[in-house]
C-alpha cells in the first residue's frame, strides 16, 4: 500500500506548523481527521514521523527524511498538473517567479505591463529574494523559475542567458572623473568602492569586475539595496558600480550622479533564467526569457547623452 498525495500534503503542513490544531485549520479539516490521516501514514511507512512525548511536536529522524521526499513528490505532482495545462496554452495560469533584489525593482515595473499585453491570461506570482534563497525555493518547488544574475552556481538546474548587463561607474557630480564618458578600471585604483552587504550576488559580481584594483569601504559602510548605495555615492562617501538595467530605470533620477561607461569587457554580469531540470515549466520559462531579452534591447537608455540634473528631477 502506498501513501496518498493527500496524506503527504497533510504531513507537510503539520511539519510546518508542528501543531495539529493549526495544521488542521490550514488544511480546512478537523483535527481528528488530520490525526487519523497521520496515523495511517505512519502505519503505511512503518515508522513514527513525530515525537509526541514532549509539550511540543518534534519531527523524528524518519520524519525529517520523509518530509524531504514528500516535498519533492508533491512538487513533481504539482508540476505535472500545471505543466499539462501550460502545454494547452502557453503562459497562462499560475507561474511563480523568483527575482533577485538587484533586478526586480529596475526591470519588472517596466516589463510587466508589456508582459500582460502579450499574455493576458498569465497569473504571475513574484517573490523577491537573494540568489541563495531563491535556489532553495526553486529546489523545493515553491517557485517555478528564478530570474538571477550570472555567473552563479546552477549545478543540477537548467538555465538560459537573457542578456548582458554592463556595469557603469557612478560618481558624485563634483568628482574629478565626472566629466569623462569612459574610464578604465586601472583609473580607479585610488577610489573607495561602496558595496552591498554580504548575501547579495551583485556584491560578488562588482568585486569580480573590480578585480582587486579598487579600495573597498569599511564593512560598517554597506548598503542593503542598490538605491541606498546610490544615495551614499551622491553624498560623497565613495563610488560604486551600477548595472545597466538600473541605469535604464533612471536610478540616478533626482541626484547629481554621473554614470560613466567602463571600458572593460569583464565589467559586466549576465541576466539569466533558472528552472528545475526536466520541469514542465521549461516552455514557459523560455518564453519569458525571449520576452525579457527583447525588452532589455528595446529599452536601453543612451547614457552617452548627458542629462541635466533638473531634467532628471522633473
Protein backbone atom coordinates (compact mmCIF):
# COMPACT_ATOMS: atom_id res chain seq x y z
CA UNK A 1 0.00 0.00 0.00
CA UNK A 2 1.30 3.45 -0.91
CA UNK A 3 0.76 6.81 0.80
CA UNK A 4 -1.67 9.17 -0.91
CA UNK A 5 -0.73 12.66 -2.01
CA UNK A 6 -3.33 14.00 0.42
CA UNK A 7 -1.64 12.22 3.32
CA UNK A 8 1.72 13.61 2.29
CA UNK A 9 0.24 17.11 1.96
CA UNK A 10 -1.28 16.85 5.45
CA UNK A 11 2.06 15.71 6.85
CA UNK A 12 3.95 18.53 5.15
CA UNK A 13 1.51 21.06 6.60
CA UNK A 14 1.81 19.51 10.06
CA UNK A 15 5.61 19.61 9.81
CA UNK A 16 5.37 23.32 9.02
CA UNK A 17 3.11 24.25 11.95
CA UNK A 18 4.09 21.48 14.45
CA UNK A 19 0.59 21.83 15.83
CA UNK A 20 -2.37 19.58 15.00
CA UNK A 21 -4.87 22.36 15.54
CA UNK A 22 -3.06 24.91 13.35
CA UNK A 23 -2.29 22.35 10.64
CA UNK A 24 -5.90 21.14 10.58
CA UNK A 25 -7.08 24.72 10.21
CA UNK A 26 -4.62 25.30 7.35
CA UNK A 27 -5.86 22.14 5.61
CA UNK A 28 -9.55 23.02 6.22
CA UNK A 29 -10.21 19.71 8.00
CA UNK A 30 -10.94 18.69 11.57
CA UNK A 31 -8.13 17.91 13.99
CA UNK A 32 -9.35 14.32 14.36
CA UNK A 33 -9.29 13.82 10.57
CA UNK A 34 -5.72 15.11 10.43
CA UNK A 35 -4.62 12.93 13.34
CA UNK A 36 -6.17 9.83 11.76
CA UNK A 37 -4.51 10.59 8.41
CA UNK A 38 -1.07 10.95 10.00
CA UNK A 39 -1.57 7.69 11.93
CA UNK A 40 -2.47 5.93 8.66
CA UNK A 41 0.63 7.37 7.01
CA UNK A 42 2.84 6.16 9.87
CA UNK A 43 1.22 2.72 9.58
CA UNK A 44 1.90 2.54 5.84
CA UNK A 45 5.53 3.64 6.29
CA UNK A 46 6.08 1.51 9.38
CA UNK A 47 7.67 4.26 11.46
CA UNK A 48 6.81 7.18 13.71
CA UNK A 49 7.12 10.55 11.99
CA UNK A 50 6.55 12.67 15.09
CA UNK A 51 7.81 12.65 18.63
CA UNK A 52 4.69 13.35 20.70
CA UNK A 53 6.30 12.84 24.12
CA UNK A 54 7.05 16.50 24.86
CA UNK A 55 4.90 19.57 25.17
CA UNK A 56 5.58 20.40 21.53
CA UNK A 57 5.69 18.19 18.46
CA UNK A 58 9.10 17.35 17.00
CA UNK A 59 9.87 15.52 13.80
CA UNK A 60 11.72 12.25 14.27
CA UNK A 61 14.76 11.45 12.15
CA UNK A 62 12.49 9.34 9.94
CA UNK A 63 10.04 12.24 9.81
CA UNK A 64 12.73 14.60 8.56
CA UNK A 65 13.65 12.16 5.81
CA UNK A 66 10.01 11.57 4.80
CA UNK A 67 9.34 15.32 4.78
CA UNK A 68 12.17 15.90 2.31
CA UNK A 69 10.99 13.16 -0.04
CA UNK A 70 7.31 14.07 0.37
CA UNK A 71 8.05 17.69 -0.57
CA UNK A 72 9.71 16.54 -3.79
CA UNK A 73 6.83 14.22 -4.66
CA UNK A 74 4.27 16.95 -4.07
CA UNK A 75 6.35 19.38 -6.10
CA UNK A 76 6.52 16.97 -9.04
CA UNK A 77 2.78 16.24 -8.82
CA UNK A 78 2.01 19.94 -8.96
CA UNK A 79 4.44 20.35 -11.86
CA UNK A 80 2.57 17.60 -13.69
CA UNK A 81 -0.79 19.34 -13.41
CA UNK A 82 0.49 22.83 -14.18
CA UNK A 83 2.71 21.59 -17.00
CA UNK A 84 -0.10 19.78 -18.84
CA UNK A 85 -2.24 22.91 -18.58
CA UNK A 86 0.65 25.02 -19.89
CA UNK A 87 1.02 22.77 -22.95
CA UNK A 88 -2.55 23.53 -23.98
CA UNK A 89 -1.91 27.27 -23.89
CA UNK A 90 1.49 28.92 -23.31
CA UNK A 91 2.00 31.32 -20.41
CA UNK A 92 -1.47 31.08 -18.98
CA UNK A 93 -2.45 30.28 -15.43
CA UNK A 94 -0.10 30.46 -12.48
CA UNK A 95 3.65 30.94 -12.82
CA UNK A 96 5.76 31.63 -9.72
CA UNK A 97 8.86 33.66 -10.50
CA UNK A 98 11.63 34.49 -8.06
CA UNK A 99 13.71 37.62 -8.76
CA UNK A 100 16.84 38.96 -7.06
CA UNK A 101 16.72 42.47 -5.47
CA UNK A 102 19.23 43.98 -7.90
CA UNK A 103 16.93 43.10 -10.81
CA UNK A 104 13.33 43.18 -9.55
CA UNK A 105 12.77 46.92 -8.91
CA UNK A 106 14.54 48.02 -12.08
CA UNK A 107 13.24 45.55 -14.66
CA UNK A 108 9.81 44.36 -13.51
CA UNK A 109 7.86 47.66 -13.19
CA UNK A 110 8.73 48.50 -16.79
CA UNK A 111 8.43 44.96 -18.18
CA UNK A 112 5.25 43.65 -16.55
CA UNK A 113 2.76 45.89 -18.41
CA UNK A 114 4.20 44.65 -21.71
CA UNK A 115 4.07 41.05 -20.49
CA UNK A 116 0.41 41.43 -19.51
CA UNK A 117 -0.37 42.69 -23.01
CA UNK A 118 1.41 39.70 -24.56
CA UNK A 119 -0.05 37.07 -22.22
CA UNK A 120 -3.23 38.41 -20.60
CA UNK A 121 -4.14 35.04 -19.04
CA UNK A 122 -0.84 34.70 -17.20
CA UNK A 123 -1.09 34.85 -13.41
CA UNK A 124 2.42 35.83 -12.39
CA UNK A 125 3.31 35.46 -8.72
CA UNK A 126 6.55 37.19 -7.76
CA UNK A 127 8.99 36.57 -4.95
CA UNK A 128 11.96 38.88 -4.37
CA UNK A 129 14.91 37.37 -2.51
CA UNK A 130 18.65 36.86 -2.70
CA UNK A 131 20.04 34.19 -5.04
CA UNK A 132 20.82 31.63 -2.34
CA UNK A 133 17.24 31.63 -1.01
CA UNK A 134 15.73 31.56 -4.49
CA UNK A 135 17.72 28.46 -5.40
CA UNK A 136 16.43 26.72 -2.26
CA UNK A 137 12.85 27.77 -3.08
CA UNK A 138 13.31 26.53 -6.64
CA UNK A 139 14.63 23.16 -5.50
CA UNK A 140 11.72 22.76 -3.05
CA UNK A 141 9.13 23.70 -5.66
CA UNK A 142 8.00 26.93 -4.01
CA UNK A 143 8.81 28.84 -7.21
CA UNK A 144 8.86 27.68 -10.84
CA UNK A 145 11.80 29.72 -12.11
CA UNK A 146 14.26 32.34 -10.90
CA UNK A 147 15.43 35.50 -12.64
CA UNK A 148 19.03 35.94 -11.50
CA UNK A 149 22.41 37.38 -12.28
CA UNK A 150 25.06 35.04 -13.62
CA UNK A 151 27.60 33.62 -13.14
CA UNK A 152 26.14 31.70 -10.22
CA UNK A 153 26.34 28.03 -9.32
CA UNK A 154 23.28 26.48 -11.02
CA UNK A 155 24.50 22.87 -10.93
CA UNK A 156 21.57 20.49 -11.27
CA UNK A 157 19.31 23.12 -12.86
CA UNK A 158 18.62 24.32 -16.38
CA UNK A 159 19.39 27.93 -17.23
CA UNK A 160 19.35 30.34 -20.16
CA UNK A 161 21.00 33.71 -20.64
CA UNK A 162 18.73 36.68 -21.31
CA UNK A 163 21.19 39.49 -21.82
CA UNK A 164 24.42 41.15 -20.82
CA UNK A 165 24.27 43.74 -18.04
CA UNK A 166 27.31 46.02 -18.20
CA UNK A 167 28.47 47.99 -15.15
CA UNK A 168 28.74 51.77 -15.12
CA UNK A 169 30.82 53.77 -12.68
CA UNK A 170 28.65 56.02 -10.50
CA UNK A 171 30.41 59.08 -9.07
CA UNK A 172 29.19 62.34 -7.48
CA UNK A 173 28.74 65.26 -9.87
CA UNK A 174 31.76 67.06 -8.37
CA UNK A 175 34.08 64.05 -8.72
CA UNK A 176 37.26 64.58 -10.80
CA UNK A 177 36.14 61.79 -13.17
CA UNK A 178 32.61 63.19 -13.60
CA UNK A 179 33.42 64.85 -16.93
CA UNK A 180 34.56 61.62 -18.59
CA UNK A 181 32.37 59.43 -20.76
CA UNK A 182 34.55 56.37 -20.39
CA UNK A 183 37.07 55.08 -17.83
CA UNK A 184 39.43 52.15 -17.48
CA UNK A 185 39.43 50.01 -14.35
CA UNK A 186 43.10 50.99 -13.95
CA UNK A 187 41.97 54.62 -13.50
CA UNK A 188 40.06 53.68 -10.33
CA UNK A 189 42.89 52.35 -8.18
CA UNK A 190 42.52 55.05 -5.53
CA UNK A 191 38.73 55.13 -5.44
CA UNK A 192 36.75 53.84 -2.45
CA UNK A 193 34.27 51.25 -3.71
CA UNK A 194 30.92 51.06 -1.91
CA UNK A 195 29.25 47.64 -1.85
CA UNK A 196 26.04 45.91 -0.90
CA UNK A 197 26.13 43.79 2.24
CA UNK A 198 27.08 40.10 2.19
CA UNK A 199 24.49 37.78 0.66
CA UNK A 200 23.81 39.87 -2.45
CA UNK A 201 25.28 38.33 -5.60
CA UNK A 202 25.71 41.85 -7.01
CA UNK A 203 28.39 42.41 -4.37
CA UNK A 204 30.37 39.43 -5.69
CA UNK A 205 29.92 40.48 -9.32
CA UNK A 206 31.10 44.02 -8.59
CA UNK A 207 34.15 42.73 -6.72
CA UNK A 208 34.94 40.42 -9.64
CA UNK A 209 34.66 43.32 -12.08
CA UNK A 210 36.93 45.49 -9.91
CA UNK A 211 39.46 42.66 -9.81
CA UNK A 212 41.10 43.98 -6.63
CA UNK A 213 42.04 47.24 -8.35
CA UNK A 214 39.90 49.45 -6.10
CA UNK A 215 39.83 50.17 -2.39
CA UNK A 216 36.77 48.74 -0.64
CA UNK A 217 34.90 50.67 2.00
CA UNK A 218 34.89 49.64 5.65
CA UNK A 219 32.42 46.85 6.46
CA UNK A 220 30.44 49.35 8.54
CA UNK A 221 29.70 51.29 5.34
CA UNK A 222 27.48 48.90 3.39
CA UNK A 223 24.01 49.17 1.88
CA UNK A 224 21.07 46.77 1.84
CA UNK A 225 19.80 47.97 -1.54
CA UNK A 226 21.18 49.47 -4.72
CA UNK A 227 19.02 52.57 -4.27
CA UNK A 228 20.60 53.23 -0.88
CA UNK A 229 24.04 52.63 -2.37
CA UNK A 230 23.40 55.29 -5.00
CA UNK A 231 22.35 57.80 -2.34
CA UNK A 232 25.57 57.10 -0.43
CA UNK A 233 27.58 57.85 -3.58
CA UNK A 234 25.59 61.03 -4.17
CA UNK A 235 26.57 62.15 -0.67
CA UNK A 236 30.28 61.77 -1.43
CA UNK A 237 31.02 58.66 0.65
CA UNK A 238 32.61 56.79 -2.25
CA UNK A 239 31.88 55.42 -5.72
CA UNK A 240 30.16 52.25 -6.91
CA UNK A 241 29.40 50.17 -9.97
CA UNK A 242 25.80 50.23 -11.18
CA UNK A 243 24.33 47.59 -13.54
CA UNK A 244 22.89 48.70 -16.85
CA UNK A 245 19.30 47.72 -16.01
CA UNK A 246 19.37 50.13 -13.05
CA UNK A 247 20.75 52.85 -15.31
CA UNK A 248 17.96 52.20 -17.83
CA UNK A 249 15.46 52.54 -14.97
CA UNK A 250 16.88 56.02 -14.15
CA UNK A 251 18.26 55.07 -10.75
CA UNK A 252 20.18 58.38 -10.85
CA UNK A 253 16.98 60.43 -11.11
CA UNK A 254 16.94 63.25 -8.55
CA UNK A 255 20.67 63.00 -7.86
CA UNK A 256 23.81 64.77 -9.12
CA UNK A 257 25.38 61.44 -10.06
CA UNK A 258 27.42 60.94 -13.21
CA UNK A 259 27.31 57.50 -14.81
CA UNK A 260 30.43 56.63 -16.76
CA UNK A 261 30.95 53.72 -19.13
CA UNK A 262 33.70 51.29 -18.10
CA UNK A 263 35.95 50.25 -21.00
CA UNK A 264 36.48 46.70 -19.77
CA UNK A 265 34.58 43.73 -21.27
CA UNK A 266 34.77 41.94 -17.92
CA UNK A 267 32.93 44.73 -16.10
CA UNK A 268 29.52 43.14 -16.54
CA UNK A 269 27.22 40.41 -15.36
CA UNK A 270 24.67 38.30 -17.23
CA UNK A 271 20.93 38.23 -16.55
CA UNK A 272 19.52 34.72 -16.83
CA UNK A 273 16.61 32.46 -16.01
CA UNK A 274 17.00 29.26 -13.97
CA UNK A 275 14.47 26.42 -13.62
CA UNK A 276 14.36 22.83 -12.45
CA UNK A 277 15.76 20.22 -14.81
CA UNK A 278 13.02 18.34 -16.73
CA UNK A 279 10.43 20.71 -15.30
CA UNK A 280 7.05 21.00 -17.01
CA UNK A 281 7.54 24.77 -16.89
CA UNK A 282 10.54 24.80 -19.22
CA UNK A 283 8.50 26.03 -22.18
CA UNK A 284 7.03 28.92 -20.21
CA UNK A 285 10.45 29.82 -18.79
CA UNK A 286 11.89 30.03 -22.30
CA UNK A 287 9.01 32.20 -23.50
CA UNK A 288 9.65 34.56 -20.59
CA UNK A 289 13.34 34.63 -21.49
CA UNK A 290 12.58 35.68 -25.08
CA UNK A 291 10.17 38.41 -23.99
CA UNK A 292 12.68 39.77 -21.47
CA UNK A 293 15.52 39.65 -23.98
CA UNK A 294 13.54 41.76 -26.46
CA UNK A 295 12.52 44.21 -23.75
CA UNK A 296 16.09 44.74 -22.49
CA UNK A 297 17.31 45.54 -26.01
CA UNK A 298 14.43 47.87 -26.83
CA UNK A 299 14.58 49.93 -23.63
CA UNK A 300 18.30 50.65 -23.24
CA UNK A 301 18.93 54.24 -22.25
CA UNK A 302 21.56 56.26 -24.12
CA UNK A 303 23.88 57.02 -21.20
CA UNK A 304 26.37 58.74 -23.51
CA UNK A 305 23.99 61.71 -23.76
CA UNK A 306 24.45 63.74 -20.55
CA UNK A 307 21.25 64.57 -18.69
CA UNK A 308 20.76 67.80 -16.83
CA UNK A 309 20.09 67.26 -13.13
CA UNK A 310 16.97 69.41 -13.27
CA UNK A 311 15.71 67.26 -16.16
CA UNK A 312 16.21 64.07 -14.16
CA UNK A 313 14.40 65.58 -11.19
CA UNK A 314 11.35 66.53 -13.24
